[in-house]
């Protein structure tokens, strides 16, 4: 299997982080889609198990 150099530089090869890797800042966050409140994501703790401290709604992971 041969990949074009452009594909490799874009992360098109195997072993990349995929869509679930940290963003450009390297830090994922949990966000409340209702009020916009954000907290840093903690490894091993799914965002949807957290409740927003401002309004009590469930958080989601921002990608």
N, C-alpha and C. Protein backbone atom coordinates (compact mmCIF):
# COMPACT_ATOMS: atom_id res chain seq x y z
N UNK A 1 0.85 -1.18 0.00
CA UNK A 1 0.00 0.00 0.00
C UNK A 1 0.90 1.24 0.00
N UNK A 2 0.70 2.09 -0.97
CA UNK A 2 1.48 3.32 -1.08
C UNK A 2 0.56 4.51 -0.95
N UNK A 3 0.96 5.47 -0.15
CA UNK A 3 0.20 6.70 0.02
C UNK A 3 0.97 7.84 -0.62
N UNK A 4 0.26 8.73 -1.22
CA UNK A 4 0.89 9.92 -1.77
C UNK A 4 1.45 10.74 -0.62
N UNK A 5 2.51 11.48 -0.88
CA UNK A 5 3.13 12.29 0.16
C UNK A 5 2.14 13.28 0.76
N UNK A 6 1.25 13.82 -0.06
CA UNK A 6 0.25 14.78 0.44
C UNK A 6 -0.69 14.11 1.44
N UNK A 7 -1.09 12.86 1.16
CA UNK A 7 -1.98 12.15 2.08
C UNK A 7 -1.31 11.92 3.43
N UNK A 8 -0.03 11.58 3.41
CA UNK A 8 0.69 11.32 4.65
C UNK A 8 0.80 12.61 5.47
N UNK A 9 1.10 13.72 4.81
CA UNK A 9 1.25 14.98 5.54
C UNK A 9 -0.07 15.47 6.12
N UNK A 10 -1.19 15.05 5.54
CA UNK A 10 -2.50 15.44 6.07
C UNK A 10 -2.99 14.47 7.13
N UNK A 11 -2.25 13.42 7.41
CA UNK A 11 -2.69 12.44 8.39
C UNK A 11 -3.55 11.36 7.76
N UNK A 12 -3.46 11.18 6.44
CA UNK A 12 -4.28 10.20 5.76
C UNK A 12 -3.79 8.78 5.91
N UNK A 13 -2.60 8.58 6.48
CA UNK A 13 -2.07 7.24 6.67
C UNK A 13 -2.63 6.59 7.91
N UNK A 14 -2.19 5.37 8.17
CA UNK A 14 -2.65 4.66 9.36
C UNK A 14 -1.97 5.18 10.60
N UNK A 15 -2.60 4.99 11.75
CA UNK A 15 -1.99 5.32 13.01
C UNK A 15 -2.17 6.75 13.45
N UNK A 16 -2.95 7.54 12.72
CA UNK A 16 -3.20 8.92 13.13
C UNK A 16 -4.11 8.98 14.33
N UNK A 17 -4.28 10.15 14.88
CA UNK A 17 -5.11 10.29 16.07
C UNK A 17 -6.59 10.22 15.74
N UNK A 18 -6.98 10.45 14.49
CA UNK A 18 -8.38 10.38 14.12
C UNK A 18 -9.16 11.57 14.62
N UNK A 19 -10.48 11.44 14.63
CA UNK A 19 -11.34 12.57 14.98
C UNK A 19 -11.43 12.80 16.48
N UNK A 20 -10.93 11.89 17.30
CA UNK A 20 -11.10 12.04 18.73
C UNK A 20 -9.87 12.57 19.44
N UNK A 21 -8.85 12.94 18.69
CA UNK A 21 -7.64 13.48 19.31
C UNK A 21 -7.85 14.91 19.78
N UNK A 22 -6.96 15.41 20.61
CA UNK A 22 -7.09 16.79 21.08
C UNK A 22 -6.94 17.78 19.94
N UNK A 23 -7.53 18.92 20.08
CA UNK A 23 -7.49 19.95 19.06
C UNK A 23 -6.15 20.65 19.03
N UNK A 24 -6.06 21.76 18.29
CA UNK A 24 -4.79 22.45 18.14
C UNK A 24 -4.15 22.87 19.46
N UNK A 25 -4.97 23.18 20.47
CA UNK A 25 -4.43 23.56 21.76
C UNK A 25 -3.98 22.37 22.59
N UNK A 26 -4.33 21.16 22.14
CA UNK A 26 -3.94 19.95 22.86
C UNK A 26 -4.85 19.62 24.03
N UNK A 27 -5.86 20.41 24.28
CA UNK A 27 -6.74 20.20 25.43
C UNK A 27 -8.19 20.05 24.95
N UNK A 28 -8.82 18.96 25.30
CA UNK A 28 -10.24 18.79 25.00
C UNK A 28 -11.04 19.40 26.16
N UNK A 29 -12.24 19.82 25.86
CA UNK A 29 -13.09 20.41 26.90
C UNK A 29 -14.47 19.79 26.85
N UNK A 30 -15.15 19.86 27.98
CA UNK A 30 -16.56 19.52 28.07
C UNK A 30 -17.32 20.84 28.05
N UNK A 31 -18.37 20.89 27.24
CA UNK A 31 -19.13 22.13 27.08
C UNK A 31 -20.61 21.85 27.28
N UNK A 32 -21.30 22.84 27.82
CA UNK A 32 -22.75 22.75 27.94
C UNK A 32 -23.35 23.42 26.71
N UNK A 33 -24.08 22.66 25.88
CA UNK A 33 -24.63 23.25 24.67
C UNK A 33 -25.73 24.29 24.94
N UNK A 34 -26.31 24.28 26.14
CA UNK A 34 -27.37 25.24 26.46
C UNK A 34 -26.83 26.61 26.84
N UNK A 35 -25.85 26.63 27.74
CA UNK A 35 -25.36 27.93 28.24
C UNK A 35 -23.93 28.26 27.81
N UNK A 36 -23.20 27.28 27.23
CA UNK A 36 -21.85 27.54 26.75
C UNK A 36 -20.76 27.39 27.79
N UNK A 37 -21.09 26.99 29.01
CA UNK A 37 -20.10 26.82 30.08
C UNK A 37 -19.12 25.70 29.70
N UNK A 38 -17.82 25.91 29.91
CA UNK A 38 -16.80 24.93 29.55
C UNK A 38 -15.95 24.56 30.76
N UNK A 39 -15.55 23.28 30.80
CA UNK A 39 -14.59 22.81 31.80
C UNK A 39 -13.59 21.90 31.07
N UNK A 40 -12.34 21.82 31.55
CA UNK A 40 -11.37 20.91 30.93
C UNK A 40 -11.83 19.46 31.04
N UNK A 41 -11.63 18.69 29.97
CA UNK A 41 -11.99 17.27 29.99
C UNK A 41 -10.96 16.50 30.79
N UNK A 42 -11.44 15.59 31.64
CA UNK A 42 -10.54 14.74 32.42
C UNK A 42 -10.55 13.35 31.81
N UNK A 43 -9.37 12.81 31.56
CA UNK A 43 -9.26 11.48 30.98
C UNK A 43 -9.96 10.46 31.86
N UNK A 44 -10.77 9.61 31.23
CA UNK A 44 -11.48 8.56 31.95
C UNK A 44 -12.82 8.98 32.49
N UNK A 45 -13.18 10.27 32.34
CA UNK A 45 -14.47 10.77 32.83
C UNK A 45 -15.26 11.28 31.63
N UNK A 46 -16.27 10.52 31.16
CA UNK A 46 -17.05 10.99 30.02
C UNK A 46 -17.77 12.30 30.34
N UNK A 47 -17.74 13.21 29.37
CA UNK A 47 -18.38 14.52 29.58
C UNK A 47 -19.87 14.38 29.88
N UNK A 48 -20.52 13.40 29.25
CA UNK A 48 -21.96 13.28 29.44
C UNK A 48 -22.36 12.80 30.84
N UNK A 49 -21.36 12.47 31.68
CA UNK A 49 -21.66 12.12 33.08
C UNK A 49 -21.58 13.35 33.98
N UNK A 50 -21.11 14.47 33.42
CA UNK A 50 -20.98 15.71 34.19
C UNK A 50 -22.21 16.58 34.04
N UNK A 51 -22.56 17.28 35.09
CA UNK A 51 -23.65 18.26 35.06
C UNK A 51 -23.05 19.66 35.12
N UNK A 52 -23.63 20.57 34.37
CA UNK A 52 -23.17 21.95 34.35
C UNK A 52 -23.38 22.57 35.73
N UNK A 53 -22.34 23.24 36.24
CA UNK A 53 -22.46 23.87 37.56
C UNK A 53 -23.29 25.15 37.50
N UNK A 54 -23.54 25.68 36.31
CA UNK A 54 -24.35 26.89 36.18
C UNK A 54 -25.84 26.57 36.06
N UNK A 55 -26.19 25.60 35.18
CA UNK A 55 -27.62 25.36 34.94
C UNK A 55 -28.06 23.92 35.18
N UNK A 56 -27.14 22.99 35.45
CA UNK A 56 -27.50 21.62 35.77
C UNK A 56 -27.74 20.70 34.58
N UNK A 57 -27.58 21.21 33.36
CA UNK A 57 -27.77 20.38 32.17
C UNK A 57 -26.55 19.51 31.93
N UNK A 58 -26.72 18.38 31.21
CA UNK A 58 -25.57 17.51 30.91
C UNK A 58 -24.57 18.20 29.97
N UNK A 59 -23.30 17.89 30.15
CA UNK A 59 -22.24 18.42 29.32
C UNK A 59 -22.00 17.47 28.14
N UNK A 60 -21.36 17.98 27.08
CA UNK A 60 -20.93 17.16 25.96
C UNK A 60 -19.47 17.49 25.68
N UNK A 61 -18.80 16.59 24.93
CA UNK A 61 -17.39 16.82 24.61
C UNK A 61 -17.30 17.67 23.35
N UNK A 62 -16.49 18.73 23.45
CA UNK A 62 -16.26 19.59 22.28
C UNK A 62 -15.08 19.04 21.52
N UNK A 63 -15.23 18.90 20.21
CA UNK A 63 -14.15 18.34 19.39
C UNK A 63 -13.56 19.39 18.51
